[in-house]
C-alpha atoms as a PDB file:
ATOM      1  CA  MET A   1      18.634 129.739  66.500  1.00  0.00           C
ATOM      2  CA  GLU A   2      21.188 132.525  66.873  1.00  0.00           C
ATOM      3  CA  GLU A   3      19.518 133.736  70.065  1.00  0.00           C
ATOM      4  CA  LEU A   4      19.547 130.199  71.468  1.00  0.00           C
ATOM      5  CA  ILE A   5      23.277 129.916  70.783  1.00  0.00           C
ATOM      6  CA  ARG A   6      23.828 133.282  72.411  1.00  0.00           C
ATOM      7  CA  GLN A   7      21.926 132.087  75.495  1.00  0.00           C
ATOM      8  CA  LEU A   8      23.978 128.871  75.512  1.00  0.00           C
ATOM      9  CA  LEU A   9      27.203 130.870  75.544  1.00  0.00           C
ATOM     10  CA  VAL A  10      25.941 132.863  78.536  1.00  0.00           C
ATOM     11  CA  ARG A  11      24.917 129.638  80.340  1.00  0.00           C
ATOM     12  CA  LEU A  12      28.412 128.244  79.718  1.00  0.00           C
ATOM     13  CA  GLY A  13      29.833 131.303  81.501  1.00  0.00           C
ATOM     14  CA  GLU A  14      31.017 133.116  78.389  1.00  0.00           C
ATOM     15  CA  ASP A  15      30.520 136.674  77.223  1.00  0.00           C
ATOM     16  CA  PRO A  16      28.898 136.450  73.772  1.00  0.00           C
ATOM     17  CA  ASP A  17      29.930 140.064  73.111  1.00  0.00           C
ATOM     18  CA  ARG A  18      33.659 139.466  73.473  1.00  0.00           C
ATOM     19  CA  GLU A  19      35.768 139.736  70.328  1.00  0.00           C
ATOM     20  CA  GLY A  20      36.144 136.017  69.569  1.00  0.00           C
ATOM     21  CA  LEU A  21      32.471 135.216  70.145  1.00  0.00           C
ATOM     22  CA  GLU A  22      30.665 138.176  68.568  1.00  0.00           C
ATOM     23  CA  LYS A  23      29.781 136.288  65.391  1.00  0.00           C
ATOM     24  CA  THR A  24      29.669 132.801  66.907  1.00  0.00           C
ATOM     25  CA  PRO A  25      25.859 132.583  67.240  1.00  0.00           C
ATOM     26  CA  HIS A  26      25.508 133.327  63.523  1.00  0.00           C
ATOM     27  CA  ARG A  27      28.277 130.896  62.526  1.00  0.00           C
ATOM     28  CA  VAL A  28      26.910 128.086  64.716  1.00  0.00           C
ATOM     29  CA  ALA A  29      23.381 128.573  63.381  1.00  0.00           C
ATOM     30  CA  ARG A  30      24.663 128.348  59.778  1.00  0.00           C
ATOM     31  CA  ALA A  31      26.765 125.305  60.683  1.00  0.00           C
ATOM     32  CA  TYR A  32      23.766 123.451  62.152  1.00  0.00           C
ATOM     33  CA  GLU A  33      21.668 124.324  59.101  1.00  0.00           C
ATOM     34  CA  PHE A  34      24.378 122.778  56.913  1.00  0.00           C
ATOM     35  CA  LEU A  35      24.958 119.744  59.145  1.00  0.00           C
ATOM     36  CA  THR A  36      21.232 118.923  59.257  1.00  0.00           C
ATOM     37  CA  ARG A  37      20.362 119.731  55.646  1.00  0.00           C
ATOM     38  CA  GLY A  38      19.169 116.146  55.139  1.00  0.00           C
ATOM     39  CA  TYR A  39      15.858 117.109  56.753  1.00  0.00           C
ATOM     40  CA  ARG A  40      15.240 119.629  53.985  1.00  0.00           C
ATOM     41  CA  GLU A  41      16.358 117.563  50.996  1.00  0.00           C
ATOM     42  CA  ASP A  42      13.877 115.799  48.752  1.00  0.00           C
ATOM     43  CA  ILE A  43      15.137 112.300  47.922  1.00  0.00           C
ATOM     44  CA  ASP A  44      13.431 112.385  44.501  1.00  0.00           C
ATOM     45  CA  ALA A  45      15.279 115.601  43.650  1.00  0.00           C
ATOM     46  CA  VAL A  46      18.539 114.018  44.850  1.00  0.00           C
ATOM     47  CA  ILE A  47      18.052 110.934  42.648  1.00  0.00           C
ATOM     48  CA  ASN A  48      16.898 113.232  39.829  1.00  0.00           C
ATOM     49  CA  GLY A  49      15.692 110.413  37.565  1.00  0.00           C
ATOM     50  CA  ALA A  50      19.115 108.724  37.472  1.00  0.00           C
ATOM     51  CA  ILE A  51      17.683 105.191  37.480  1.00  0.00           C
ATOM     52  CA  TYR A  52      18.425 103.306  34.286  1.00  0.00           C
ATOM     53  CA  SER A  53      17.357 100.052  32.663  1.00  0.00           C
ATOM     54  CA  THR A  54      20.037  97.374  32.355  1.00  0.00           C
ATOM     55  CA  GLU A  55      20.504  93.718  31.625  1.00  0.00           C
ATOM     56  CA  ALA A  56      23.407  93.580  34.088  1.00  0.00           C
ATOM     57  CA  ASN A  57      22.796  91.381  37.100  1.00  0.00           C
ATOM     58  CA  HIS A  58      26.215  91.386  38.743  1.00  0.00           C
ATOM     59  CA  MET A  59      27.011  92.937  42.088  1.00  0.00           C
ATOM     60  CA  VAL A  60      27.543  96.705  42.087  1.00  0.00           C
ATOM     61  CA  ILE A  61      29.462  98.225  44.998  1.00  0.00           C
ATOM     62  CA  VAL A  62      30.442 101.764  45.868  1.00  0.00           C
ATOM     63  CA  LYS A  63      32.660 101.887  48.933  1.00  0.00           C
ATOM     64  CA  ASP A  64      34.627 104.396  50.965  1.00  0.00           C
ATOM     65  CA  ILE A  65      31.817 106.954  50.784  1.00  0.00           C
ATOM     66  CA  GLU A  66      32.637 109.480  53.495  1.00  0.00           C
ATOM     67  CA  ILE A  67      29.795 110.197  55.890  1.00  0.00           C
ATOM     68  CA  TYR A  68      29.448 112.909  58.510  1.00  0.00           C
ATOM     69  CA  SER A  69      26.557 112.948  60.937  1.00  0.00           C
ATOM     70  CA  LEU A  70      25.474 114.162  64.357  1.00  0.00           C
ATOM     71  CA  CYS A  71      24.648 111.731  67.136  1.00  0.00           C
ATOM     72  CA  GLU A  72      21.073 112.343  68.216  1.00  0.00           C
ATOM     73  CA  HIS A  73      21.941 111.700  71.868  1.00  0.00           C
ATOM     74  CA  HIS A  74      24.652 114.353  72.346  1.00  0.00           C
ATOM     75  CA  MET A  75      24.584 116.244  69.029  1.00  0.00           C
ATOM     76  CA  LEU A  76      28.282 115.489  68.638  1.00  0.00           C
ATOM     77  CA  PRO A  77      29.691 114.391  65.284  1.00  0.00           C
ATOM     78  CA  PHE A  78      30.288 110.870  64.119  1.00  0.00           C
ATOM     79  CA  PHE A  79      32.087 110.248  60.881  1.00  0.00           C
ATOM     80  CA  GLY A  80      33.416 107.420  58.798  1.00  0.00           C
ATOM     81  CA  ARG A  81      32.875 105.419  55.641  1.00  0.00           C
ATOM     82  CA  CYS A  82      29.944 103.722  54.002  1.00  0.00           C
ATOM     83  CA  ALA A  83      29.812 100.894  51.464  1.00  0.00           C
ATOM     84  CA  ILE A  84      26.664 100.240  49.438  1.00  0.00           C
ATOM     85  CA  GLY A  85      26.200  97.177  47.262  1.00  0.00           C
ATOM     86  CA  TYR A  86      23.313  95.717  45.311  1.00  0.00           C
ATOM     87  CA  ILE A  87      22.533  93.147  42.644  1.00  0.00           C
ATOM     88  CA  PRO A  88      20.425  94.781  39.914  1.00  0.00           C
ATOM     89  CA  ARG A  89      17.253  93.235  38.646  1.00  0.00           C
ATOM     90  CA  GLY A  90      16.674  95.346  35.541  1.00  0.00           C
ATOM     91  CA  ARG A  91      17.612  98.741  37.028  1.00  0.00           C
ATOM     92  CA  VAL A  92      20.762 100.554  38.192  1.00  0.00           C
ATOM     93  CA  ILE A  93      21.240 103.978  39.739  1.00  0.00           C
ATOM     94  CA  GLY A  94      23.809 106.616  38.816  1.00  0.00           C
ATOM     95  CA  VAL A  95      26.909 105.926  40.900  1.00  0.00           C
ATOM     96  CA  SER A  96      27.047 109.400  42.464  1.00  0.00           C
ATOM     97  CA  LYS A  97      23.451 109.037  43.601  1.00  0.00           C
ATOM     98  CA  LEU A  98      24.445 106.329  46.093  1.00  0.00           C
ATOM     99  CA  ALA A  99      26.813 108.801  47.787  1.00  0.00           C
ATOM    100  CA  ARG A 100      24.109 111.469  47.709  1.00  0.00           C
ATOM    101  CA  ILE A 101      21.594 109.097  49.310  1.00  0.00           C
ATOM    102  CA  ALA A 102      24.085 108.393  52.109  1.00  0.00           C
ATOM    103  CA  ASP A 103      24.505 112.165  52.570  1.00  0.00           C
ATOM    104  CA  VAL A 104      20.763 112.825  52.816  1.00  0.00           C
ATOM    105  CA  PHE A 105      20.369 110.375  55.686  1.00  0.00           C
ATOM    106  CA  SER A 106      23.660 111.176  57.416  1.00  0.00           C
ATOM    107  CA  ARG A 107      22.949 114.928  57.480  1.00  0.00           C
ATOM    108  CA  ARG A 108      20.319 114.497  60.186  1.00  0.00           C
ATOM    109  CA  LEU A 109      20.429 113.789  63.893  1.00  0.00           C
ATOM    110  CA  GLN A 110      21.076 110.065  63.766  1.00  0.00           C
ATOM    111  CA  ILE A 111      22.106 106.834  65.311  1.00  0.00           C
ATOM    112  CA  GLN A 112      24.396 104.773  63.121  1.00  0.00           C
ATOM    113  CA  GLU A 113      22.124 101.727  63.200  1.00  0.00           C
ATOM    114  CA  ARG A 114      19.179 103.682  61.747  1.00  0.00           C
ATOM    115  CA  LEU A 115      21.376 105.458  59.206  1.00  0.00           C
ATOM    116  CA  THR A 116      22.645 102.132  57.859  1.00  0.00           C
ATOM    117  CA  HIS A 117      19.131 100.705  57.570  1.00  0.00           C
ATOM    118  CA  GLN A 118      17.679 103.852  55.948  1.00  0.00           C
ATOM    119  CA  ILE A 119      20.257 103.774  53.168  1.00  0.00           C
ATOM    120  CA  ALA A 120      19.668 100.061  52.495  1.00  0.00           C
ATOM    121  CA  ARG A 121      15.885 100.389  52.615  1.00  0.00           C
ATOM    122  CA  LEU A 122      15.836 103.305  50.173  1.00  0.00           C
ATOM    123  CA  VAL A 123      18.034 101.501  47.634  1.00  0.00           C
ATOM    124  CA  MET A 124      15.877  98.373  47.989  1.00  0.00           C
ATOM    125  CA  ASP A 125      12.609 100.299  47.585  1.00  0.00           C
ATOM    126  CA  ARG A 126      13.726 102.434  44.622  1.00  0.00           C
ATOM    127  CA  LEU A 127      15.652  99.864  42.567  1.00  0.00           C
ATOM    128  CA  GLU A 128      13.871  96.648  43.581  1.00  0.00           C
ATOM    129  CA  PRO A 129      17.162  94.736  43.214  1.00  0.00           C
ATOM    130  CA  GLU A 130      17.786  91.123  44.095  1.00  0.00           C
ATOM    131  CA  GLY A 131      19.416  92.356  47.289  1.00  0.00           C
ATOM    132  CA  VAL A 132      21.183  95.236  49.022  1.00  0.00           C
ATOM    133  CA  GLY A 133      24.031  95.418  51.507  1.00  0.00           C
ATOM    134  CA  VAL A 134      25.226  98.475  53.413  1.00  0.00           C
ATOM    135  CA  VAL A 135      28.142  98.654  55.853  1.00  0.00           C
ATOM    136  CA  VAL A 136      28.972 101.785  57.832  1.00  0.00           C
ATOM    137  CA  GLU A 137      32.153 102.181  59.899  1.00  0.00           C
ATOM    138  CA  ALA A 138      32.288 105.321  62.041  1.00  0.00           C
ATOM    139  CA  ARG A 139      34.065 107.029  64.888  1.00  0.00           C
ATOM    140  CA  HIS A 140      31.817 108.754  67.415  1.00  0.00           C
ATOM    141  CA  LEU A 141      33.057 111.868  69.185  1.00  0.00           C
ATOM    142  CA  CYS A 142      30.546 111.204  71.979  1.00  0.00           C
ATOM    143  CA  MET A 143      32.681 108.152  72.828  1.00  0.00           C
ATOM    144  CA  MET A 144      36.013 109.798  72.084  1.00  0.00           C
ATOM    145  CA  MET A 145      35.657 113.197  73.792  1.00  0.00           C
ATOM    146  CA  ARG A 146      33.352 112.392  76.707  1.00  0.00           C
ATOM    147  CA  GLY A 147      32.044 109.411  78.623  1.00  0.00           C
ATOM    148  CA  VAL A 148      34.373 106.445  78.151  1.00  0.00           C
ATOM    149  CA  GLU A 149      36.923 108.522  76.149  1.00  0.00           C
ATOM    150  CA  LYS A 150      37.997 105.688  73.832  1.00  0.00           C
ATOM    151  CA  GLN A 151      39.842 107.340  70.958  1.00  0.00           C
ATOM    152  CA  ASN A 152      40.372 104.191  68.897  1.00  0.00           C
ATOM    153  CA  SER A 153      36.868 102.778  69.017  1.00  0.00           C
ATOM    154  CA  LEU A 154      35.163 102.130  65.693  1.00  0.00           C
ATOM    155  CA  MET A 155      31.507 101.198  65.356  1.00  0.00           C
ATOM    156  CA  VAL A 156      30.532  98.933  62.457  1.00  0.00           C
ATOM    157  CA  THR A 157      26.923  98.405  61.390  1.00  0.00           C
ATOM    158  CA  SER A 158      25.441  96.497  58.497  1.00  0.00           C
ATOM    159  CA  ALA A 159      22.068  96.136  56.849  1.00  0.00           C
ATOM    160  CA  MET A 160      21.501  93.196  54.527  1.00  0.00           C
ATOM    161  CA  LEU A 161      18.264  92.926  52.553  1.00  0.00           C
ATOM    162  CA  GLY A 162      17.024  90.405  50.008  1.00  0.00           C
ATOM    163  CA  SER A 163      19.708  88.051  48.699  1.00  0.00           C
ATOM    164  CA  PHE A 164      22.352  89.773  50.848  1.00  0.00           C
ATOM    165  CA  HIS A 165      20.345  88.615  53.877  1.00  0.00           C
ATOM    166  CA  ASN A 166      19.185  85.239  52.576  1.00  0.00           C
ATOM    167  CA  SER A 167      22.336  83.990  50.864  1.00  0.00           C
ATOM    168  CA  ASN A 168      25.568  83.438  52.775  1.00  0.00           C
ATOM    169  CA  ALA A 169      27.505  83.355  49.488  1.00  0.00           C
ATOM    170  CA  THR A 170      26.148  86.740  48.368  1.00  0.00           C
ATOM    171  CA  ARG A 171      26.720  88.331  51.764  1.00  0.00           C
ATOM    172  CA  ASN A 172      30.253  86.915  51.963  1.00  0.00           C
ATOM    173  CA  GLU A 173      31.126  88.121  48.451  1.00  0.00           C
ATOM    174  CA  PHE A 174      29.942  91.623  49.357  1.00  0.00           C
ATOM    175  CA  LEU A 175      31.826  91.704  52.666  1.00  0.00           C
ATOM    176  CA  THR A 176      34.989  90.322  51.066  1.00  0.00           C
ATOM    177  CA  LEU A 177      34.923  92.970  48.323  1.00  0.00           C
ATOM    178  CA  VAL A 178      34.146  95.763  50.788  1.00  0.00           C
ATOM    179  CA  ASN A 179      37.000  94.756  53.100  1.00  0.00           C
ATOM    180  CA  ARG A 180      39.517  94.325  50.290  1.00  0.00           C
ATOM    181  CA  ALA A 181      42.343  96.862  50.433  1.00  0.00           C
ATOM    182  CA  ALA A 182      42.475  99.447  47.671  1.00  0.00           C
ATOM    183  CA  HIS A 183      45.401  99.157  45.242  1.00  0.00           C
END
């Protein structure tokens, strides 16, 4: 990867041997390894057995989970917040694991629509809850820095499965709680 970055610098008209760029190929290669680590993470190791039996059947929500990803079309960052909610049916997951699941899928080349669905689908498949809702709000540098150059644009995607899809009341409760201002 370092050699590819070096070649890219040359193609851009730069001198990869100049003082400020000497170590750039190495730094960029390490950065891309970090930013795409989701390809190399095992979801079972991430969850690490943190699924527990419960009698609780009330909505569980973790919101304002920061996400950072790379757009698969331009390999530019998009970043924002994720909210994950579910209604348990006998099983809950450790709260930090929801953030870790979001990280696994966001640390890949992505489109926001797929990212949102992947998080929801994994929670649904692993916990078998009554329903799952995921909302992702993100700013895309591919829209902000290039193309239409709209600095204030915000993309919002949602994935609703089970009761979150089938029940207006459940979906509305989730969306109301997610959109409620923090105190």
